[in-house]
Amino acid sequence: MAELAPRFSANRMVREYVTHTYFPAAMLLHEREGGNGRLGKELAAWHARLERDWHAIHFGQLEVSEPEGHRTIAVPVYLGALDPADVAVELYADPVAAGPPECLTMTRVSELPGATNGGLYRADTEATRPASDYTPRVVARHPNARVPIEAWPITWYR
């Protein structure tokens, strides 16, 4: 009892909530209200763009190449009215055994001629897993947003 009680006490619980939840939330609010709410307004505009324009996101044909033990996966992504800075294009693979999922940020390597905010995105991986394990996706991204808590949209390659 003497060893376990401190780990499961109300004092410990409240201290952890204050340290890990309430204090960081208060700091975040302070940042967003500063400068006459500049950051808060910026985030609100970003959320509005996501809600208004997310539906237009779609993918082109996925291409996989495997030169010398490495794999390159490339896919055209059409963002419509969304700015490429509003999103992240990722390459996702479910966990193997008890490991974590694999999630790589894909790099925008070129624009797609004639497409509004369309770009070719690419990522390199080791060829240790089948290419079919990997799926491109688009997720919301903003340097001051807590994703996915504050912005949950996600579009998967089909």
N, C-alpha and C. Protein backbone atom coordinates (compact mmCIF):
# COMPACT_ATOMS: atom_id res chain seq x y z
N MET A 1 0.82 -1.19 0.00
CA MET A 1 0.00 0.00 0.00
C MET A 1 0.87 1.26 0.00
N ALA A 2 1.93 1.25 0.77
CA ALA A 2 2.79 2.44 0.87
C ALA A 2 3.44 2.76 -0.45
N GLU A 3 3.72 1.76 -1.26
CA GLU A 3 4.36 2.01 -2.56
C GLU A 3 3.34 2.37 -3.65
N LEU A 4 2.16 1.78 -3.61
CA LEU A 4 1.18 2.01 -4.66
C LEU A 4 0.33 3.27 -4.45
N ALA A 5 0.01 3.60 -3.25
CA ALA A 5 -0.91 4.72 -2.98
C ALA A 5 -0.44 6.03 -3.60
N PRO A 6 0.85 6.39 -3.52
CA PRO A 6 1.26 7.67 -4.14
C PRO A 6 1.05 7.70 -5.65
N ARG A 7 1.11 6.55 -6.29
CA ARG A 7 0.92 6.52 -7.75
C ARG A 7 -0.54 6.69 -8.14
N PHE A 8 -1.45 6.38 -7.24
CA PHE A 8 -2.87 6.42 -7.56
C PHE A 8 -3.62 7.41 -6.68
N SER A 9 -2.97 8.45 -6.23
CA SER A 9 -3.61 9.43 -5.35
C SER A 9 -4.25 10.55 -6.16
N ALA A 10 -5.20 11.24 -5.51
CA ALA A 10 -5.85 12.39 -6.14
C ALA A 10 -4.86 13.53 -6.33
N ASN A 11 -3.92 13.67 -5.39
CA ASN A 11 -2.90 14.73 -5.54
C ASN A 11 -2.09 14.52 -6.81
N ARG A 12 -1.64 13.31 -7.05
CA ARG A 12 -0.86 13.01 -8.25
C ARG A 12 -1.69 13.28 -9.49
N MET A 13 -2.94 12.85 -9.47
CA MET A 13 -3.82 13.03 -10.62
C MET A 13 -4.00 14.52 -10.95
N VAL A 14 -4.31 15.33 -9.94
CA VAL A 14 -4.52 16.76 -10.16
C VAL A 14 -3.21 17.41 -10.64
N ARG A 15 -2.08 17.04 -10.04
CA ARG A 15 -0.79 17.59 -10.45
C ARG A 15 -0.51 17.26 -11.93
N GLU A 16 -0.78 16.02 -12.34
CA GLU A 16 -0.57 15.65 -13.75
C GLU A 16 -1.51 16.41 -14.67
N TYR A 17 -2.79 16.55 -14.30
CA TYR A 17 -3.73 17.30 -15.13
C TYR A 17 -3.26 18.74 -15.31
N VAL A 18 -2.84 19.37 -14.20
CA VAL A 18 -2.38 20.76 -14.28
C VAL A 18 -1.14 20.86 -15.15
N THR A 19 -0.18 19.97 -14.91
CA THR A 19 1.10 20.03 -15.63
C THR A 19 0.97 19.68 -17.10
N HIS A 20 0.20 18.64 -17.41
CA HIS A 20 0.17 18.10 -18.77
C HIS A 20 -1.03 18.57 -19.60
N THR A 21 -2.07 19.10 -18.96
CA THR A 21 -3.26 19.50 -19.72
C THR A 21 -3.61 20.96 -19.52
N TYR A 22 -3.89 21.37 -18.29
CA TYR A 22 -4.40 22.72 -18.05
C TYR A 22 -3.36 23.80 -18.34
N PHE A 23 -2.12 23.63 -17.86
CA PHE A 23 -1.10 24.63 -18.10
C PHE A 23 -0.78 24.77 -19.60
N PRO A 24 -0.56 23.65 -20.34
CA PRO A 24 -0.34 23.81 -21.78
C PRO A 24 -1.53 24.45 -22.50
N ALA A 25 -2.76 24.13 -22.08
CA ALA A 25 -3.93 24.74 -22.71
C ALA A 25 -3.97 26.24 -22.45
N ALA A 26 -3.63 26.66 -21.24
CA ALA A 26 -3.60 28.09 -20.91
C ALA A 26 -2.53 28.80 -21.73
N MET A 27 -1.37 28.19 -21.90
CA MET A 27 -0.31 28.79 -22.72
C MET A 27 -0.75 28.92 -24.18
N LEU A 28 -1.43 27.89 -24.68
CA LEU A 28 -1.93 27.92 -26.05
C LEU A 28 -2.95 29.05 -26.22
N LEU A 29 -3.85 29.20 -25.27
CA LEU A 29 -4.83 30.29 -25.32
C LEU A 29 -4.12 31.63 -25.31
N HIS A 30 -3.12 31.77 -24.46
CA HIS A 30 -2.36 33.02 -24.38
C HIS A 30 -1.71 33.35 -25.73
N GLU A 31 -1.12 32.36 -26.38
CA GLU A 31 -0.50 32.56 -27.71
C GLU A 31 -1.54 33.00 -28.73
N ARG A 32 -2.70 32.37 -28.70
CA ARG A 32 -3.72 32.64 -29.72
C ARG A 32 -4.43 33.97 -29.50
N GLU A 33 -4.47 34.44 -28.27
CA GLU A 33 -5.09 35.73 -27.99
C GLU A 33 -4.13 36.90 -28.18
N GLY A 34 -2.82 36.63 -28.17
CA GLY A 34 -1.82 37.68 -28.29
C GLY A 34 -1.92 38.42 -29.61
N GLY A 35 -1.43 39.64 -29.61
CA GLY A 35 -1.45 40.43 -30.85
C GLY A 35 -2.84 40.67 -31.37
N ASN A 36 -3.78 40.95 -30.43
CA ASN A 36 -5.18 41.19 -30.80
C ASN A 36 -5.80 39.95 -31.46
N GLY A 37 -5.35 38.76 -31.04
CA GLY A 37 -5.95 37.53 -31.54
C GLY A 37 -5.47 37.12 -32.92
N ARG A 38 -4.30 37.62 -33.34
CA ARG A 38 -3.80 37.35 -34.69
C ARG A 38 -3.74 35.85 -35.00
N LEU A 39 -3.14 35.06 -34.12
CA LEU A 39 -3.01 33.63 -34.36
C LEU A 39 -4.37 32.94 -34.34
N GLY A 40 -5.22 33.34 -33.41
CA GLY A 40 -6.56 32.76 -33.35
C GLY A 40 -7.35 33.03 -34.63
N LYS A 41 -7.23 34.23 -35.17
CA LYS A 41 -7.91 34.58 -36.42
C LYS A 41 -7.33 33.79 -37.60
N GLU A 42 -6.00 33.64 -37.59
CA GLU A 42 -5.34 32.86 -38.64
C GLU A 42 -5.83 31.40 -38.62
N LEU A 43 -5.91 30.83 -37.42
CA LEU A 43 -6.40 29.44 -37.30
C LEU A 43 -7.87 29.32 -37.71
N ALA A 44 -8.68 30.31 -37.35
CA ALA A 44 -10.09 30.29 -37.74
C ALA A 44 -10.23 30.34 -39.26
N ALA A 45 -9.41 31.16 -39.92
CA ALA A 45 -9.45 31.23 -41.40
C ALA A 45 -8.99 29.92 -42.00
N TRP A 46 -7.96 29.29 -41.42
CA TRP A 46 -7.48 27.99 -41.89
C TRP A 46 -8.58 26.93 -41.76
N HIS A 47 -9.26 26.89 -40.62
CA HIS A 47 -10.37 25.95 -40.43
C HIS A 47 -11.47 26.19 -41.47
N ALA A 48 -11.78 27.43 -41.74
CA ALA A 48 -12.82 27.77 -42.72
C ALA A 48 -12.43 27.28 -44.11
N ARG A 49 -11.15 27.45 -44.48
CA ARG A 49 -10.68 26.95 -45.79
C ARG A 49 -10.81 25.43 -45.85
N LEU A 50 -10.42 24.75 -44.79
CA LEU A 50 -10.53 23.29 -44.77
C LEU A 50 -11.97 22.85 -44.97
N GLU A 51 -12.88 23.45 -44.21
CA GLU A 51 -14.30 23.09 -44.33
C GLU A 51 -14.85 23.37 -45.71
N ARG A 52 -14.48 24.51 -46.27
CA ARG A 52 -15.02 24.92 -47.56
C ARG A 52 -14.45 24.11 -48.72
N ASP A 53 -13.14 23.78 -48.68
CA ASP A 53 -12.47 23.26 -49.87
C ASP A 53 -11.97 21.83 -49.78
N TRP A 54 -12.07 21.18 -48.63
CA TRP A 54 -11.50 19.84 -48.47
C TRP A 54 -12.08 18.83 -49.47
N HIS A 55 -13.35 18.97 -49.78
CA HIS A 55 -14.03 17.99 -50.65
C HIS A 55 -13.39 17.86 -52.03
N ALA A 56 -12.63 18.85 -52.47
CA ALA A 56 -12.06 18.83 -53.83
C ALA A 56 -10.77 18.03 -53.93
N ILE A 57 -10.20 17.62 -52.82
CA ILE A 57 -8.93 16.89 -52.86
C ILE A 57 -9.12 15.53 -53.52
N HIS A 58 -8.22 15.23 -54.47
CA HIS A 58 -8.23 13.89 -55.07
C HIS A 58 -6.83 13.55 -55.58
N PHE A 59 -6.63 12.29 -55.87
CA PHE A 59 -5.33 11.76 -56.27
C PHE A 59 -5.34 11.35 -57.73
N GLY A 60 -4.15 11.36 -58.34
CA GLY A 60 -3.95 10.76 -59.65
C GLY A 60 -3.44 9.34 -59.48
N GLN A 61 -2.84 8.80 -60.53
CA GLN A 61 -2.36 7.42 -60.54
C GLN A 61 -1.06 7.27 -59.74
N LEU A 62 -1.04 6.32 -58.83
CA LEU A 62 0.13 6.02 -58.01
C LEU A 62 1.19 5.32 -58.85
N GLU A 63 2.46 5.72 -58.66
CA GLU A 63 3.57 5.09 -59.37
C GLU A 63 4.60 4.60 -58.36
N VAL A 64 5.07 3.37 -58.54
CA VAL A 64 6.06 2.78 -57.65
C VAL A 64 7.25 2.34 -58.49
N SER A 65 8.45 2.73 -58.05
CA SER A 65 9.67 2.24 -58.70
C SER A 65 10.59 1.71 -57.61
N GLU A 66 11.38 0.69 -57.96
CA GLU A 66 12.24 0.05 -56.97
C GLU A 66 13.66 -0.13 -57.49
N PRO A 67 14.43 0.96 -57.51
CA PRO A 67 15.83 0.82 -57.94
C PRO A 67 16.73 0.40 -56.77
N GLU A 68 17.44 -0.69 -56.93
CA GLU A 68 18.49 -1.14 -56.00
C GLU A 68 18.11 -1.13 -54.52
N GLY A 69 17.08 -1.85 -54.13
CA GLY A 69 16.74 -2.01 -52.73
C GLY A 69 15.96 -0.87 -52.10
N HIS A 70 15.80 0.21 -52.82
CA HIS A 70 14.99 1.32 -52.33
C HIS A 70 13.69 1.36 -53.13
N ARG A 71 12.73 2.05 -52.57
CA ARG A 71 11.45 2.19 -53.26
C ARG A 71 11.10 3.66 -53.30
N THR A 72 10.63 4.11 -54.44
CA THR A 72 10.11 5.46 -54.58
C THR A 72 8.64 5.35 -54.93
N ILE A 73 7.81 6.03 -54.16
CA ILE A 73 6.37 6.06 -54.40
C ILE A 73 6.01 7.51 -54.71
N ALA A 74 5.35 7.71 -55.84
CA ALA A 74 4.96 9.05 -56.28
C ALA A 74 3.48 9.04 -56.64
N VAL A 75 2.82 10.16 -56.38
CA VAL A 75 1.40 10.28 -56.70
C VAL A 75 1.07 11.75 -56.95
N PRO A 76 0.32 12.04 -58.02
CA PRO A 76 -0.20 13.39 -58.22
C PRO A 76 -1.34 13.66 -57.22
N VAL A 77 -1.32 14.82 -56.62
CA VAL A 77 -2.37 15.20 -55.67
C VAL A 77 -2.94 16.53 -56.12
N TYR A 78 -4.25 16.57 -56.23
CA TYR A 78 -4.97 17.78 -56.66
C TYR A 78 -5.67 18.37 -55.44
N LEU A 79 -5.26 19.57 -55.05
CA LEU A 79 -5.77 20.19 -53.83
C LEU A 79 -6.89 21.18 -54.07
N GLY A 80 -7.21 21.44 -55.31
CA GLY A 80 -8.26 22.41 -55.60
C GLY A 80 -7.88 23.78 -55.06
N ALA A 81 -8.76 24.42 -54.31
CA ALA A 81 -8.52 25.77 -53.80
C ALA A 81 -7.61 25.79 -52.56
N LEU A 82 -7.33 24.63 -51.97
CA LEU A 82 -6.46 24.62 -50.80
C LEU A 82 -5.01 24.88 -51.18
N ASP A 83 -4.34 25.65 -50.37
CA ASP A 83 -2.93 25.92 -50.56
C ASP A 83 -2.14 24.70 -50.09
N PRO A 84 -1.06 24.34 -50.77
CA PRO A 84 -0.25 23.21 -50.30
C PRO A 84 0.24 23.37 -48.86
N ALA A 85 0.37 24.59 -48.37
CA ALA A 85 0.80 24.82 -46.99
C ALA A 85 -0.28 24.44 -45.98
N ASP A 86 -1.53 24.30 -46.42
CA ASP A 86 -2.64 23.96 -45.52
C ASP A 86 -2.72 22.47 -45.20
N VAL A 87 -1.94 21.66 -45.91
CA VAL A 87 -2.06 20.21 -45.78
C VAL A 87 -0.69 19.55 -45.74
N ALA A 88 -0.68 18.29 -45.35
CA ALA A 88 0.51 17.44 -45.48
C ALA A 88 0.09 16.21 -46.27
N VAL A 89 0.92 15.81 -47.21
CA VAL A 89 0.69 14.58 -47.94
C VAL A 89 1.63 13.55 -47.33
N GLU A 90 1.06 12.44 -46.88
CA GLU A 90 1.83 11.43 -46.16
C GLU A 90 1.70 10.08 -46.83
N LEU A 91 2.67 9.24 -46.57
CA LEU A 91 2.66 7.84 -46.99
C LEU A 91 2.55 7.02 -45.72
N TYR A 92 1.45 6.28 -45.58
CA TYR A 92 1.15 5.58 -44.33
C TYR A 92 1.17 4.08 -44.55
N ALA A 93 1.69 3.35 -43.54
CA ALA A 93 1.65 1.90 -43.53
C ALA A 93 1.28 1.44 -42.13
N ASP A 94 0.36 0.49 -42.03
CA ASP A 94 -0.04 -0.06 -40.74
C ASP A 94 1.16 -0.69 -40.04
N PRO A 95 1.07 -0.82 -38.71
CA PRO A 95 2.18 -1.42 -37.97
C PRO A 95 2.43 -2.87 -38.38
N VAL A 96 3.67 -3.27 -38.24
CA VAL A 96 4.05 -4.67 -38.42
C VAL A 96 4.28 -5.23 -37.03
N ALA A 97 3.66 -6.36 -36.73
CA ALA A 97 3.76 -6.99 -35.41
C ALA A 97 3.34 -5.97 -34.35
N ALA A 98 4.18 -5.75 -33.35
CA ALA A 98 3.82 -4.83 -32.26
C ALA A 98 4.45 -3.46 -32.45
N GLY A 99 5.04 -3.20 -33.61
CA GLY A 99 5.69 -1.92 -33.85
C GLY A 99 4.72 -0.80 -34.12
N PRO A 100 5.23 0.41 -34.25
CA PRO A 100 4.37 1.56 -34.56
C PRO A 100 4.04 1.61 -36.05
N PRO A 101 3.01 2.36 -36.42
CA PRO A 101 2.75 2.56 -37.85
C PRO A 101 3.90 3.34 -38.48
N GLU A 102 4.05 3.20 -39.77
CA GLU A 102 5.07 3.96 -40.49
C GLU A 102 4.35 5.11 -41.19
N CYS A 103 4.82 6.33 -40.99
CA CYS A 103 4.19 7.50 -41.59
C CYS A 103 5.29 8.44 -42.07
N LEU A 104 5.40 8.58 -43.38
CA LEU A 104 6.42 9.41 -44.00
C LEU A 104 5.76 10.62 -44.65
N THR A 105 6.35 11.78 -44.47
CA THR A 105 5.85 12.97 -45.16
C THR A 105 6.36 12.92 -46.59
N MET A 106 5.45 13.04 -47.55
CA MET A 106 5.82 13.04 -48.96
C MET A 106 6.22 14.47 -49.35
N THR A 107 7.19 14.56 -50.24
CA THR A 107 7.71 15.85 -50.68
C THR A 107 7.06 16.25 -52.00
N ARG A 108 6.65 17.50 -52.08
CA ARG A 108 6.11 18.05 -53.33
C ARG A 108 7.31 18.33 -54.24
N VAL A 109 7.44 17.55 -55.31
CA VAL A 109 8.62 17.67 -56.16
C VAL A 109 8.38 18.52 -57.40
N SER A 110 7.11 18.68 -57.79
CA SER A 110 6.81 19.54 -58.94
C SER A 110 5.33 19.90 -58.94
N GLU A 111 5.03 20.94 -59.67
CA GLU A 111 3.63 21.32 -59.87
C GLU A 111 3.08 20.53 -61.04
N LEU A 112 1.76 20.39 -61.09
CA LEU A 112 1.11 19.73 -62.22
C LEU A 112 0.58 20.81 -63.15
N PRO A 113 1.10 20.89 -64.37
CA PRO A 113 0.68 21.94 -65.29
C PRO A 113 -0.84 21.92 -65.51
N GLY A 114 -1.44 23.09 -65.43
CA GLY A 114 -2.87 23.23 -65.69
C GLY A 114 -3.76 22.88 -64.52
N ALA A 115 -3.20 22.44 -63.40
CA ALA A 115 -4.01 22.07 -62.23
C ALA A 115 -3.81 23.11 -61.13
N THR A 116 -4.90 23.61 -60.59
CA THR A 116 -4.81 24.56 -59.49
C THR A 116 -4.33 23.82 -58.25
N ASN A 117 -3.18 24.25 -57.73
CA ASN A 117 -2.58 23.65 -56.55
C ASN A 117 -2.36 22.15 -56.65
N GLY A 118 -2.18 21.65 -57.85
CA GLY A 118 -1.85 20.23 -58.04
C GLY A 118 -0.35 20.06 -58.00
N GLY A 119 0.08 18.96 -57.43
CA GLY A 119 1.51 18.70 -57.37
C GLY A 119 1.82 17.23 -57.37
N LEU A 120 3.03 16.90 -57.80
CA LEU A 120 3.51 15.53 -57.74
C LEU A 120 4.25 15.38 -56.42
N TYR A 121 3.83 14.41 -55.61
CA TYR A 121 4.42 14.16 -54.30
C TYR A 121 5.15 12.84 -54.35
N ARG A 122 6.29 12.79 -53.61
CA ARG A 122 7.15 11.61 -53.67
C ARG A 122 7.71 11.30 -52.29
N ALA A 123 7.89 10.00 -52.01
CA ALA A 123 8.57 9.56 -50.79
C ALA A 123 9.40 8.33 -51.13
N ASP A 124 10.52 8.20 -50.43
CA ASP A 124 11.40 7.04 -50.60
C ASP A 124 11.33 6.18 -49.35
N THR A 125 11.31 4.87 -49.54
CA THR A 125 11.31 3.92 -48.43
C THR A 125 12.29 2.80 -48.74
N GLU A 126 12.62 2.05 -47.72
CA GLU A 126 13.37 0.82 -47.94
C GLU A 126 12.40 -0.20 -48.53
N ALA A 127 12.89 -1.10 -49.34
CA ALA A 127 12.02 -2.10 -49.97
C ALA A 127 11.91 -3.35 -49.11
N THR A 128 11.72 -3.16 -47.80
CA THR A 128 11.62 -4.30 -46.89
C THR A 128 10.19 -4.78 -46.70
N ARG A 129 9.23 -3.97 -47.09
CA ARG A 129 7.81 -4.31 -47.01
C ARG A 129 7.21 -4.24 -48.40
N PRO A 130 6.13 -4.94 -48.64
CA PRO A 130 5.48 -4.83 -49.95
C PRO A 130 4.98 -3.40 -50.19
N ALA A 131 5.06 -2.96 -51.42
CA ALA A 131 4.59 -1.62 -51.77
C ALA A 131 3.10 -1.46 -51.44
N SER A 132 2.35 -2.55 -51.49
CA SER A 132 0.92 -2.49 -51.21
C SER A 132 0.62 -2.17 -49.75
N ASP A 133 1.62 -2.22 -48.87
CA ASP A 133 1.42 -1.84 -47.46
C ASP A 133 1.26 -0.33 -47.30
N TYR A 134 1.70 0.43 -48.27
CA TYR A 134 1.74 1.89 -48.17
C TYR A 134 0.56 2.53 -48.89
N THR A 135 -0.04 3.53 -48.23
CA THR A 135 -1.16 4.26 -48.82
C THR A 135 -0.94 5.75 -48.63
N PRO A 136 -0.98 6.53 -49.71
CA PRO A 136 -0.90 7.99 -49.56
C PRO A 136 -2.18 8.53 -48.93
N ARG A 137 -2.02 9.62 -48.22
CA ARG A 137 -3.17 10.31 -47.62
C ARG A 137 -2.85 11.79 -47.51
N VAL A 138 -3.90 12.60 -47.41
CA VAL A 138 -3.75 14.04 -47.19
C VAL A 138 -4.39 14.34 -45.85
N VAL A 139 -3.64 15.04 -45.00
CA VAL A 139 -4.14 15.45 -43.68
C VAL A 139 -3.97 16.96 -43.53
N ALA A 140 -4.76 17.54 -42.66
CA ALA A 140 -4.64 18.97 -42.39
C ALA A 140 -3.31 19.25 -41.71
N ARG A 141 -2.73 20.45 -42.00
CA ARG A 141 -1.46 20.82 -41.37
C ARG A 141 -1.42 22.33 -41.16
N HIS A 142 -1.05 22.69 -39.97
CA HIS A 142 -0.79 24.10 -39.63
C HIS A 142 0.21 24.07 -38.49
N PRO A 143 1.24 24.90 -38.54
CA PRO A 143 2.27 24.83 -37.50
C PRO A 143 1.77 25.13 -36.09
N ASN A 144 0.63 25.80 -35.95
CA ASN A 144 0.13 26.16 -34.63
C ASN A 144 -1.15 25.44 -34.26
N ALA A 145 -1.56 24.46 -35.04
CA ALA A 145 -2.76 23.69 -34.73
C ALA A 145 -2.36 22.34 -34.15
N ARG A 146 -3.19 21.82 -33.31
CA ARG A 146 -2.96 20.50 -32.73
C ARG A 146 -3.79 19.49 -33.53
N VAL A 147 -3.12 18.90 -34.52
CA VAL A 147 -3.77 17.95 -35.42
C VAL A 147 -3.47 16.56 -34.88
N PRO A 148 -4.42 15.68 -34.79
CA PRO A 148 -5.78 15.71 -35.32
C PRO A 148 -6.85 16.23 -34.36
N ILE A 149 -6.49 16.65 -33.16
CA ILE A 149 -7.49 17.10 -32.18
C ILE A 149 -8.30 18.27 -32.72
N GLU A 150 -7.64 19.27 -33.31
CA GLU A 150 -8.32 20.48 -33.75
C GLU A 150 -8.75 20.44 -35.21
N ALA A 151 -8.20 19.55 -35.98
CA ALA A 151 -8.56 19.44 -37.39
C ALA A 151 -8.41 17.99 -37.79
N TRP A 152 -9.48 17.35 -38.06
CA TRP A 152 -9.49 15.91 -38.30
C TRP A 152 -9.60 15.47 -39.75
N PRO A 153 -9.81 16.36 -40.74
CA PRO A 153 -10.05 15.83 -42.08
C PRO A 153 -8.86 15.01 -42.59
N ILE A 154 -9.20 13.98 -43.33
CA ILE A 154 -8.19 13.11 -43.92
C ILE A 154 -8.78 12.52 -45.20
N THR A 155 -7.99 12.50 -46.24
CA THR A 155 -8.43 11.89 -47.50
C THR A 155 -7.40 10.84 -47.87
N TRP A 156 -7.87 9.62 -48.09
CA TRP A 156 -7.01 8.49 -48.43
C TRP A 156 -7.01 8.23 -49.92
N TYR A 157 -5.89 7.78 -50.43
CA TYR A 157 -5.79 7.32 -51.82
C TYR A 157 -6.64 6.07 -51.95
N ARG A 158 -7.39 5.96 -53.04
CA ARG A 158 -8.19 4.74 -53.29
C ARG A 158 -7.76 4.08 -54.56
